[in-house]
Amino acid sequence: MSNLGFALEGAWKVLAAGLVLGAGLPALFALGIRSLAWGAGGEAEDSHARPNQFGTVLGYVLFAIVILGVLLGITFIVASGFGKTISFDHIFPTIVDK
């Protein structure tokens, strides 16, 4: 029974990584676009609602998260090319020797 537990634990980690890195960033980007439409109001919305400042702020926050994810991915690729890795021992990721 412990082998099944190990398999499910590994599958859960792969699923979480796939959602965050595979589908998570495009989903956040789509939510950012939708939030900007909500923030603009008027013709950008189907209901022709009034502009909402919170939608604009939320859209920019979501775009910032997507940009940080892309930059972290590029940093990981470049660090691997130089024989280094990214460490998350502290709050901020740092590049360390392998």
N, C-alpha and C. Protein backbone atom coordinates (compact mmCIF):
# COMPACT_ATOMS: atom_id res chain seq x y z
N MET A 1 0.82 -1.20 0.00
CA MET A 1 0.00 0.00 0.00
C MET A 1 0.86 1.26 0.00
N SER A 2 2.08 1.16 0.56
CA SER A 2 2.92 2.35 0.59
C SER A 2 3.40 2.72 -0.82
N ASN A 3 3.55 1.73 -1.70
CA ASN A 3 3.94 2.04 -3.08
C ASN A 3 2.87 2.86 -3.78
N LEU A 4 1.61 2.55 -3.52
CA LEU A 4 0.52 3.33 -4.10
C LEU A 4 0.55 4.76 -3.56
N GLY A 5 0.82 4.90 -2.29
CA GLY A 5 0.93 6.24 -1.69
C GLY A 5 2.05 7.04 -2.31
N PHE A 6 3.22 6.39 -2.54
CA PHE A 6 4.33 7.07 -3.18
C PHE A 6 3.98 7.48 -4.61
N ALA A 7 3.30 6.61 -5.32
CA ALA A 7 2.91 6.90 -6.70
C ALA A 7 1.93 8.07 -6.75
N LEU A 8 0.96 8.08 -5.85
CA LEU A 8 -0.01 9.17 -5.82
C LEU A 8 0.64 10.48 -5.40
N GLU A 9 1.60 10.41 -4.50
CA GLU A 9 2.30 11.62 -4.08
C GLU A 9 3.11 12.20 -5.25
N GLY A 10 3.76 11.34 -6.00
CA GLY A 10 4.51 11.79 -7.17
C GLY A 10 3.60 12.34 -8.25
N ALA A 11 2.46 11.69 -8.45
CA ALA A 11 1.51 12.16 -9.46
C ALA A 11 0.95 13.52 -9.07
N TRP A 12 0.70 13.73 -7.79
CA TRP A 12 0.18 15.00 -7.32
C TRP A 12 1.18 16.13 -7.59
N LYS A 13 2.47 15.86 -7.36
CA LYS A 13 3.49 16.88 -7.60
C LYS A 13 3.61 17.21 -9.09
N VAL A 14 3.52 16.20 -9.94
CA VAL A 14 3.58 16.43 -11.38
C VAL A 14 2.35 17.23 -11.84
N LEU A 15 1.18 16.90 -11.30
CA LEU A 15 -0.03 17.62 -11.66
C LEU A 15 0.05 19.08 -11.23
N ALA A 16 0.53 19.33 -10.02
CA ALA A 16 0.65 20.70 -9.53
C ALA A 16 1.64 21.50 -10.37
N ALA A 17 2.78 20.90 -10.69
CA ALA A 17 3.77 21.60 -11.52
C ALA A 17 3.20 21.88 -12.92
N GLY A 18 2.46 20.92 -13.47
CA GLY A 18 1.87 21.12 -14.78
C GLY A 18 0.84 22.23 -14.79
N LEU A 19 0.05 22.31 -13.73
CA LEU A 19 -0.96 23.38 -13.65
C LEU A 19 -0.31 24.74 -13.49
N VAL A 20 0.71 24.82 -12.64
CA VAL A 20 1.35 26.10 -12.39
C VAL A 20 2.13 26.57 -13.61
N LEU A 21 2.96 25.69 -14.16
CA LEU A 21 3.85 26.10 -15.25
C LEU A 21 3.21 25.93 -16.63
N GLY A 22 2.36 24.94 -16.79
CA GLY A 22 1.80 24.68 -18.11
C GLY A 22 0.54 25.48 -18.40
N ALA A 23 -0.43 25.37 -17.54
CA ALA A 23 -1.71 26.04 -17.78
C ALA A 23 -1.94 27.24 -16.88
N GLY A 24 -1.18 27.35 -15.83
CA GLY A 24 -1.40 28.42 -14.85
C GLY A 24 -1.08 29.79 -15.38
N LEU A 25 0.08 29.96 -16.00
CA LEU A 25 0.45 31.28 -16.50
C LEU A 25 -0.46 31.76 -17.64
N PRO A 26 -0.81 30.92 -18.62
CA PRO A 26 -1.77 31.39 -19.62
C PRO A 26 -3.14 31.71 -19.03
N ALA A 27 -3.55 30.96 -18.01
CA ALA A 27 -4.83 31.26 -17.37
C ALA A 27 -4.78 32.60 -16.64
N LEU A 28 -3.67 32.89 -15.97
CA LEU A 28 -3.52 34.19 -15.31
C LEU A 28 -3.48 35.32 -16.33
N PHE A 29 -2.84 35.08 -17.48
CA PHE A 29 -2.82 36.09 -18.54
C PHE A 29 -4.24 36.36 -19.05
N ALA A 30 -5.01 35.29 -19.26
CA ALA A 30 -6.39 35.46 -19.72
C ALA A 30 -7.23 36.21 -18.69
N LEU A 31 -7.02 35.89 -17.41
CA LEU A 31 -7.75 36.63 -16.36
C LEU A 31 -7.33 38.09 -16.32
N GLY A 32 -6.05 38.36 -16.62
CA GLY A 32 -5.59 39.74 -16.68
C GLY A 32 -6.25 40.52 -17.80
N ILE A 33 -6.38 39.89 -18.97
CA ILE A 33 -7.08 40.54 -20.09
C ILE A 33 -8.53 40.81 -19.72
N ARG A 34 -9.17 39.82 -19.10
CA ARG A 34 -10.58 39.99 -18.70
C ARG A 34 -10.72 41.08 -17.65
N SER A 35 -9.76 41.17 -16.74
CA SER A 35 -9.80 42.21 -15.70
C SER A 35 -9.63 43.60 -16.30
N LEU A 36 -8.76 43.70 -17.31
CA LEU A 36 -8.60 45.01 -17.96
C LEU A 36 -9.88 45.42 -18.69
N ALA A 37 -10.58 44.46 -19.28
CA ALA A 37 -11.86 44.79 -19.93
C ALA A 37 -12.88 45.23 -18.88
N TRP A 38 -12.87 44.57 -17.73
CA TRP A 38 -13.77 44.96 -16.64
C TRP A 38 -13.40 46.35 -16.15
N GLY A 39 -12.11 46.63 -16.09
CA GLY A 39 -11.66 47.95 -15.64
C GLY A 39 -11.99 49.05 -16.63
N ALA A 40 -11.96 48.74 -17.93
CA ALA A 40 -12.26 49.75 -18.94
C ALA A 40 -13.75 50.04 -19.02
N GLY A 41 -14.57 49.00 -18.84
CA GLY A 41 -16.02 49.18 -18.92
C GLY A 41 -16.46 49.57 -20.32
N GLY A 42 -17.66 50.08 -20.45
CA GLY A 42 -18.18 50.58 -21.72
C GLY A 42 -18.21 49.53 -22.81
N GLU A 43 -17.61 49.82 -23.94
CA GLU A 43 -17.62 48.94 -25.11
C GLU A 43 -16.78 47.68 -24.90
N ALA A 44 -15.86 47.70 -23.93
CA ALA A 44 -15.04 46.51 -23.67
C ALA A 44 -15.83 45.42 -22.96
N GLU A 45 -16.93 45.77 -22.36
CA GLU A 45 -17.78 44.83 -21.63
C GLU A 45 -19.04 44.51 -22.42
N ASP A 46 -19.54 43.29 -22.28
CA ASP A 46 -20.80 42.93 -22.93
C ASP A 46 -21.97 43.70 -22.34
N SER A 47 -21.91 43.94 -21.04
CA SER A 47 -23.02 44.61 -20.37
C SER A 47 -22.92 46.13 -20.45
N HIS A 48 -21.86 46.66 -21.06
CA HIS A 48 -21.63 48.09 -21.16
C HIS A 48 -21.64 48.75 -19.78
N ALA A 49 -20.99 48.07 -18.83
CA ALA A 49 -20.94 48.56 -17.45
C ALA A 49 -20.00 49.76 -17.34
N ARG A 50 -20.10 50.44 -16.21
CA ARG A 50 -19.23 51.58 -15.95
C ARG A 50 -17.81 51.08 -15.69
N PRO A 51 -16.80 51.91 -15.95
CA PRO A 51 -15.41 51.52 -15.67
C PRO A 51 -15.22 51.23 -14.18
N ASN A 52 -14.34 50.29 -13.90
CA ASN A 52 -14.07 49.90 -12.53
C ASN A 52 -12.56 49.91 -12.32
N GLN A 53 -12.07 50.76 -11.44
CA GLN A 53 -10.64 50.91 -11.21
C GLN A 53 -10.01 49.64 -10.65
N PHE A 54 -10.75 48.88 -9.86
CA PHE A 54 -10.22 47.64 -9.29
C PHE A 54 -9.87 46.63 -10.38
N GLY A 55 -10.64 46.59 -11.45
CA GLY A 55 -10.35 45.68 -12.56
C GLY A 55 -9.03 46.00 -13.24
N THR A 56 -8.75 47.28 -13.39
CA THR A 56 -7.49 47.68 -14.00
C THR A 56 -6.31 47.30 -13.12
N VAL A 57 -6.41 47.57 -11.84
CA VAL A 57 -5.33 47.23 -10.90
C VAL A 57 -5.13 45.72 -10.86
N LEU A 58 -6.21 44.97 -10.79
CA LEU A 58 -6.11 43.50 -10.77
C LEU A 58 -5.47 42.98 -12.04
N GLY A 59 -5.80 43.56 -13.18
CA GLY A 59 -5.19 43.14 -14.44
C GLY A 59 -3.69 43.35 -14.44
N TYR A 60 -3.24 44.51 -13.95
CA TYR A 60 -1.80 44.78 -13.91
C TYR A 60 -1.09 43.87 -12.91
N VAL A 61 -1.72 43.55 -11.81
CA VAL A 61 -1.12 42.62 -10.84
C VAL A 61 -0.98 41.24 -11.45
N LEU A 62 -2.00 40.78 -12.16
CA LEU A 62 -1.92 39.47 -12.81
C LEU A 62 -0.84 39.44 -13.89
N PHE A 63 -0.70 40.53 -14.65
CA PHE A 63 0.35 40.60 -15.66
C PHE A 63 1.73 40.58 -15.00
N ALA A 64 1.87 41.24 -13.86
CA ALA A 64 3.16 41.24 -13.15
C ALA A 64 3.52 39.83 -12.69
N ILE A 65 2.55 39.06 -12.23
CA ILE A 65 2.80 37.68 -11.82
C ILE A 65 3.25 36.84 -13.02
N VAL A 66 2.60 37.03 -14.16
CA VAL A 66 2.98 36.29 -15.37
C VAL A 66 4.40 36.66 -15.80
N ILE A 67 4.73 37.93 -15.77
CA ILE A 67 6.07 38.37 -16.16
C ILE A 67 7.12 37.80 -15.21
N LEU A 68 6.83 37.78 -13.91
CA LEU A 68 7.77 37.20 -12.95
C LEU A 68 7.97 35.71 -13.20
N GLY A 69 6.92 35.01 -13.54
CA GLY A 69 7.03 33.58 -13.86
C GLY A 69 7.88 33.34 -15.09
N VAL A 70 7.70 34.16 -16.12
CA VAL A 70 8.49 34.02 -17.34
C VAL A 70 9.96 34.34 -17.05
N LEU A 71 10.22 35.40 -16.30
CA LEU A 71 11.60 35.76 -15.96
C LEU A 71 12.27 34.68 -15.12
N LEU A 72 11.53 34.07 -14.22
CA LEU A 72 12.08 32.98 -13.41
C LEU A 72 12.42 31.78 -14.29
N GLY A 73 11.58 31.49 -15.26
CA GLY A 73 11.85 30.39 -16.19
C GLY A 73 13.09 30.66 -17.03
N ILE A 74 13.22 31.87 -17.54
CA ILE A 74 14.40 32.23 -18.33
C ILE A 74 15.66 32.17 -17.46
N THR A 75 15.55 32.64 -16.22
CA THR A 75 16.69 32.58 -15.30
C THR A 75 17.10 31.14 -15.04
N PHE A 76 16.14 30.25 -14.89
CA PHE A 76 16.45 28.83 -14.67
C PHE A 76 17.19 28.24 -15.87
N ILE A 77 16.74 28.56 -17.07
CA ILE A 77 17.38 28.04 -18.29
C ILE A 77 18.80 28.57 -18.42
N VAL A 78 18.99 29.86 -18.21
CA VAL A 78 20.32 30.45 -18.33
C VAL A 78 21.25 29.92 -17.25
N ALA A 79 20.76 29.81 -16.01
CA ALA A 79 21.59 29.29 -14.92
C ALA A 79 22.00 27.85 -15.19
N SER A 80 21.11 27.04 -15.74
CA SER A 80 21.46 25.66 -16.07
C SER A 80 22.53 25.61 -17.15
N GLY A 81 22.50 26.54 -18.07
CA GLY A 81 23.52 26.59 -19.12
C GLY A 81 24.90 26.92 -18.59
N PHE A 82 24.96 27.65 -17.49
CA PHE A 82 26.24 27.99 -16.87
C PHE A 82 26.64 27.00 -15.78
N GLY A 83 25.91 25.89 -15.65
CA GLY A 83 26.25 24.88 -14.65
C GLY A 83 25.83 25.27 -13.25
N LYS A 84 24.84 26.09 -13.13
CA LYS A 84 24.35 26.53 -11.82
C LYS A 84 22.88 26.13 -11.69
N THR A 85 22.31 26.40 -10.55
CA THR A 85 20.90 26.11 -10.31
C THR A 85 20.28 27.24 -9.50
N ILE A 86 18.99 27.23 -9.39
CA ILE A 86 18.28 28.25 -8.62
C ILE A 86 17.90 27.65 -7.27
N SER A 87 18.21 28.37 -6.20
CA SER A 87 17.90 27.92 -4.85
C SER A 87 16.78 28.79 -4.28
N PHE A 88 15.84 28.15 -3.64
CA PHE A 88 14.74 28.87 -2.99
C PHE A 88 14.86 28.76 -1.48
N ASP A 89 16.10 28.73 -0.96
CA ASP A 89 16.31 28.61 0.48
C ASP A 89 15.84 29.86 1.23
N HIS A 90 15.92 31.01 0.58
CA HIS A 90 15.47 32.25 1.19
C HIS A 90 14.20 32.72 0.48
N ILE A 91 13.73 33.87 0.81
CA ILE A 91 12.49 34.36 0.21
C ILE A 91 12.67 34.57 -1.30
N PHE A 92 13.81 35.12 -1.70
CA PHE A 92 14.07 35.40 -3.10
C PHE A 92 14.90 34.28 -3.71
N PRO A 93 14.63 33.89 -4.94
CA PRO A 93 15.45 32.85 -5.58
C PRO A 93 16.85 33.38 -5.85
N THR A 94 17.83 32.53 -5.60
CA THR A 94 19.23 32.90 -5.85
C THR A 94 19.87 31.85 -6.73
N ILE A 95 20.87 32.26 -7.49
CA ILE A 95 21.60 31.35 -8.36
C ILE A 95 22.81 30.84 -7.57
N VAL A 96 22.93 29.52 -7.45
CA VAL A 96 24.02 28.91 -6.70
C VAL A 96 24.67 27.83 -7.56
N ASP A 97 25.89 27.42 -7.16
CA ASP A 97 26.58 26.32 -7.86
C ASP A 97 25.84 25.02 -7.60
N LYS A 98 25.94 24.10 -8.58
CA LYS A 98 25.30 22.79 -8.43
C LYS A 98 26.05 21.95 -7.44
